[in-house]
Amino acid sequence: MYMRKFLLFIQGFFLFFLTKSLISEELIKLPEPRFKSNISLEETLSKRRSIREFSQQPLTLEEVSQLLWAAQGITTSWGGRTAPSAGALYPLEIYLVAGNVKNLSCGVYKYEPKTHSLVKKLQEDKRIDIWSSAWRQPWIKNASILFIITAVYERTTQKYGERGIRYVHIEVGHVAQNILLQATALNLVGVPVGAFYDKALKKSLNIKEDPLYIIAIGKKK
């Protein structure tokens, strides 16, 4: 009798965590990105500024989709992306921390460029945790979304050796500028953040990759 109850408990325990895992891996197909706008590249470059104050107006899923596409969207039949990458090895991964987006629940999502989709990893608002990891800079917790750009160095160093580390760091700059220029073109505002505790941020997001950059985005205040 006791053994049966114990086995049922163990079965229920594993079913609970299996169900939780399946929920966290929910796949969300994003709206198709636009390839034209009413603002020129020159005007976008002129207007881009680092702005640290955001309104509480939520972003739309279409805006989030466009920003993710600008970061690492596929632009060729062979898999080329919006940002250049040494050897087309693409060592960067993009995580979206959603806190104030219409029709998208709070949580941590991983961007999948090949399908232009989000994979839900954690189902809770992590902005406060990340704010704590990033020296409590207030714009972190007030932004509607946060982009966390991470790196898998081995994808590049296996070909280029130690020099590949430099290439990865160059690439993260390309991606960050793409996100910020796209935000400007969408009449959004943002600021890049490089000051944070790496281990604390990795723990908050439950990731193995190395975090390199945080970009906070929201509506104008």
Protein backbone atom coordinates (compact mmCIF):
# COMPACT_ATOMS: atom_id res chain seq x y z
CA MET A 1 0.00 0.00 0.00
CA TYR A 2 2.71 2.47 1.03
CA MET A 3 4.85 1.51 -1.95
CA ARG A 4 1.93 2.10 -4.32
CA LYS A 5 1.25 5.53 -2.83
CA PHE A 6 4.94 6.38 -3.12
CA LEU A 7 5.03 5.34 -6.78
CA LEU A 8 1.89 7.38 -7.51
CA PHE A 9 3.49 10.39 -5.81
CA ILE A 10 6.65 10.02 -7.91
CA GLN A 11 4.57 9.68 -11.07
CA GLY A 12 2.59 12.82 -10.23
CA PHE A 13 5.76 14.71 -9.41
CA PHE A 14 7.31 13.97 -12.81
CA LEU A 15 4.05 14.69 -14.64
CA PHE A 16 3.89 18.10 -12.97
CA PHE A 17 7.37 19.09 -14.11
CA LEU A 18 6.83 17.59 -17.56
CA THR A 19 3.67 19.66 -17.97
CA LYS A 20 5.45 22.78 -16.70
CA SER A 21 8.26 22.17 -19.20
CA LEU A 22 5.82 21.79 -22.08
CA ILE A 23 4.09 25.04 -21.16
CA SER A 24 7.40 26.87 -20.98
CA GLU A 25 8.35 25.66 -24.47
CA GLU A 26 5.26 27.18 -26.12
CA LEU A 27 5.95 28.28 -29.71
CA ILE A 28 4.56 31.64 -30.82
CA LYS A 29 4.58 32.51 -34.51
CA LEU A 30 5.28 36.22 -34.99
CA PRO A 31 3.55 38.55 -37.48
CA GLU A 32 5.42 38.92 -40.76
CA PRO A 33 7.92 41.81 -40.76
CA ARG A 34 7.60 44.81 -43.06
CA PHE A 35 10.33 45.60 -45.57
CA LYS A 36 9.36 49.23 -46.28
CA SER A 37 8.56 52.27 -44.17
CA ASN A 38 7.83 55.97 -44.49
CA ILE A 39 11.09 57.06 -42.87
CA SER A 40 14.47 57.08 -44.61
CA LEU A 41 17.64 55.53 -43.25
CA GLU A 42 19.21 58.99 -43.07
CA GLU A 43 16.34 60.36 -40.99
CA THR A 44 16.47 57.33 -38.71
CA LEU A 45 20.19 57.81 -38.13
CA SER A 46 19.62 61.48 -37.38
CA LYS A 47 16.85 60.80 -34.84
CA ARG A 48 18.43 57.87 -32.97
CA ARG A 49 19.18 58.74 -29.34
CA SER A 50 19.62 56.76 -26.14
CA ILE A 51 16.48 57.52 -24.14
CA ARG A 52 15.94 56.13 -20.66
CA GLU A 53 12.37 57.19 -19.88
CA PHE A 54 9.40 55.19 -21.12
CA SER A 55 5.63 55.55 -21.01
CA GLN A 56 3.44 52.76 -19.71
CA GLN A 57 1.76 52.32 -23.09
CA PRO A 58 2.25 48.71 -24.21
CA LEU A 59 4.06 47.66 -27.34
CA THR A 60 2.24 45.66 -30.01
CA LEU A 61 3.24 42.20 -31.14
CA GLU A 62 3.83 43.66 -34.61
CA GLU A 63 6.39 46.09 -33.17
CA VAL A 64 8.12 43.31 -31.26
CA SER A 65 8.18 41.19 -34.41
CA GLN A 66 9.79 43.99 -36.43
CA LEU A 67 12.46 44.59 -33.78
CA LEU A 68 13.37 40.90 -33.62
CA TRP A 69 13.58 40.68 -37.39
CA ALA A 70 15.90 43.71 -37.42
CA ALA A 71 18.10 41.97 -34.86
CA GLN A 72 18.57 38.58 -36.52
CA GLY A 73 15.91 38.09 -39.18
CA ILE A 74 16.55 35.85 -42.19
CA THR A 75 17.00 37.85 -45.41
CA THR A 76 18.28 35.31 -47.96
CA SER A 77 17.36 31.85 -49.19
CA TRP A 78 20.59 30.39 -47.74
CA GLY A 79 20.02 31.85 -44.27
CA GLY A 80 21.80 35.21 -44.33
CA ARG A 81 20.57 37.58 -41.66
CA THR A 82 20.03 41.30 -41.13
CA ALA A 83 23.36 41.67 -39.28
CA PRO A 84 26.73 40.52 -40.67
CA SER A 85 28.52 37.61 -39.02
CA ALA A 86 32.10 36.40 -39.52
CA GLY A 87 31.95 33.25 -41.63
CA ALA A 88 28.13 33.37 -41.43
CA LEU A 89 28.45 31.38 -38.20
CA TYR A 90 25.91 33.45 -36.20
CA PRO A 91 27.11 32.96 -32.61
CA LEU A 92 24.49 35.27 -31.08
CA GLU A 93 21.17 34.31 -29.50
CA ILE A 94 18.40 36.82 -28.81
CA TYR A 95 16.22 36.58 -25.71
CA LEU A 96 13.15 38.74 -25.29
CA VAL A 97 12.01 39.68 -21.80
CA ALA A 98 8.39 40.77 -22.23
CA GLY A 99 6.73 42.87 -19.56
CA ASN A 100 4.26 45.15 -21.32
CA VAL A 101 3.22 43.82 -24.73
CA LYS A 102 -0.33 43.46 -26.07
CA ASN A 103 -1.30 39.82 -26.65
CA LEU A 104 1.97 38.50 -25.26
CA SER A 105 2.14 37.29 -21.68
CA CYS A 106 4.99 38.36 -19.43
CA GLY A 107 7.94 36.03 -19.67
CA VAL A 108 11.27 35.17 -21.20
CA TYR A 109 11.30 34.09 -24.85
CA LYS A 110 14.00 32.92 -27.21
CA TYR A 111 13.91 34.17 -30.80
CA GLU A 112 14.07 31.53 -33.56
CA PRO A 113 15.18 33.32 -36.76
CA LYS A 114 14.52 30.40 -39.13
CA THR A 115 10.81 30.35 -38.33
CA HIS A 116 10.51 33.97 -37.12
CA SER A 117 9.00 32.67 -33.91
CA LEU A 118 9.34 32.96 -30.16
CA VAL A 119 9.84 30.02 -27.82
CA LYS A 120 8.62 30.68 -24.32
CA LYS A 121 11.24 29.75 -21.73
CA LEU A 122 9.91 31.28 -18.51
CA GLN A 123 6.39 32.41 -17.70
CA GLU A 124 6.89 35.37 -15.35
CA ASP A 125 7.89 39.01 -15.48
CA LYS A 126 11.67 39.03 -15.03
CA ARG A 127 12.26 42.77 -15.37
CA ILE A 128 12.75 43.30 -11.62
CA ASP A 129 15.26 40.42 -11.42
CA ILE A 130 17.19 41.84 -14.37
CA TRP A 131 17.01 45.33 -12.88
CA SER A 132 18.66 43.90 -9.78
CA SER A 133 21.31 42.18 -11.94
CA ALA A 134 21.99 45.41 -13.84
CA TRP A 135 23.03 47.67 -10.94
CA ARG A 136 19.40 48.70 -10.39
CA GLN A 137 19.32 51.06 -13.33
CA PRO A 138 15.66 52.25 -13.29
CA TRP A 139 15.12 52.15 -17.05
CA ILE A 140 15.55 48.37 -16.94
CA LYS A 141 12.40 47.76 -14.89
CA ASN A 142 10.41 50.53 -16.62
CA ALA A 143 10.95 49.36 -20.20
CA SER A 144 8.17 47.44 -21.95
CA ILE A 145 10.65 44.87 -23.24
CA LEU A 146 14.28 43.96 -22.83
CA PHE A 147 16.49 42.34 -25.43
CA ILE A 148 19.23 40.19 -23.97
CA ILE A 149 21.89 39.45 -26.57
CA THR A 150 23.97 36.39 -25.67
CA ALA A 151 26.85 34.57 -27.32
CA VAL A 152 27.93 31.01 -27.97
CA TYR A 153 31.61 31.78 -28.62
CA GLU A 154 32.47 28.28 -29.83
CA ARG A 155 30.48 28.75 -33.03
CA THR A 156 33.02 31.35 -34.13
CA THR A 157 36.22 30.36 -32.30
CA GLN A 158 36.12 26.83 -33.73
CA LYS A 159 36.97 28.42 -37.08
CA TYR A 160 38.86 31.58 -36.14
CA GLY A 161 40.46 30.62 -32.84
CA GLU A 162 40.97 33.33 -30.22
CA ARG A 163 40.45 36.00 -32.87
CA GLY A 164 36.85 34.80 -33.07
CA ILE A 165 36.14 36.36 -29.66
CA ARG A 166 36.75 39.77 -31.19
CA TYR A 167 34.46 38.94 -34.10
CA VAL A 168 31.65 38.00 -31.71
CA HIS A 169 32.01 41.30 -29.87
CA ILE A 170 31.95 43.20 -33.16
CA GLU A 171 28.82 41.34 -34.19
CA VAL A 172 26.90 42.23 -31.04
CA GLY A 173 27.42 45.90 -31.95
CA HIS A 174 25.90 45.31 -35.38
CA VAL A 175 22.82 43.70 -33.84
CA ALA A 176 22.39 46.36 -31.16
CA GLN A 177 22.47 49.17 -33.71
CA ASN A 178 19.94 47.34 -35.90
CA ILE A 179 17.54 47.09 -32.95
CA LEU A 180 17.95 50.74 -31.98
CA LEU A 181 17.55 52.04 -35.53
CA GLN A 182 14.47 49.89 -36.04
CA ALA A 183 13.04 51.20 -32.77
CA THR A 184 13.58 54.76 -34.00
CA ALA A 185 11.87 53.97 -37.31
CA LEU A 186 8.88 52.63 -35.33
CA ASN A 187 8.75 55.82 -33.21
CA LEU A 188 9.91 53.84 -30.16
CA VAL A 189 12.77 54.68 -27.84
CA GLY A 190 15.50 52.61 -26.27
CA VAL A 191 18.86 52.46 -24.57
CA PRO A 192 21.66 49.87 -24.63
CA VAL A 193 23.01 48.67 -21.27
CA GLY A 194 26.36 46.99 -20.77
CA ALA A 195 26.63 47.20 -16.97
CA PHE A 196 25.34 44.05 -15.31
CA TYR A 197 26.47 41.06 -13.26
CA ASP A 198 26.86 38.22 -15.75
CA LYS A 199 26.23 35.33 -13.34
CA ALA A 200 23.17 36.96 -11.81
CA LEU A 201 21.69 37.70 -15.24
CA LYS A 202 22.29 34.14 -16.45
CA LYS A 203 20.60 32.82 -13.31
CA SER A 204 17.59 35.13 -13.76
CA LEU A 205 17.09 33.94 -17.34
CA ASN A 206 18.11 30.32 -16.68
CA ILE A 207 20.50 30.34 -19.66
CA LYS A 208 23.93 28.86 -20.41
CA GLU A 209 25.05 31.38 -23.04
CA ASP A 210 27.18 34.39 -22.10
CA PRO A 211 25.16 37.64 -21.93
CA LEU A 212 26.81 40.55 -23.73
CA TYR A 213 24.22 43.32 -23.98
CA ILE A 214 20.84 44.44 -22.66
CA ILE A 215 18.68 46.76 -24.76
CA ALA A 216 15.65 48.37 -23.12
CA ILE A 217 12.81 49.42 -25.43
CA GLY A 218 9.49 51.16 -24.88
CA LYS A 219 7.13 53.89 -26.04
CA LYS A 220 8.04 57.57 -25.70
CA LYS A 221 7.06 59.13 -22.38
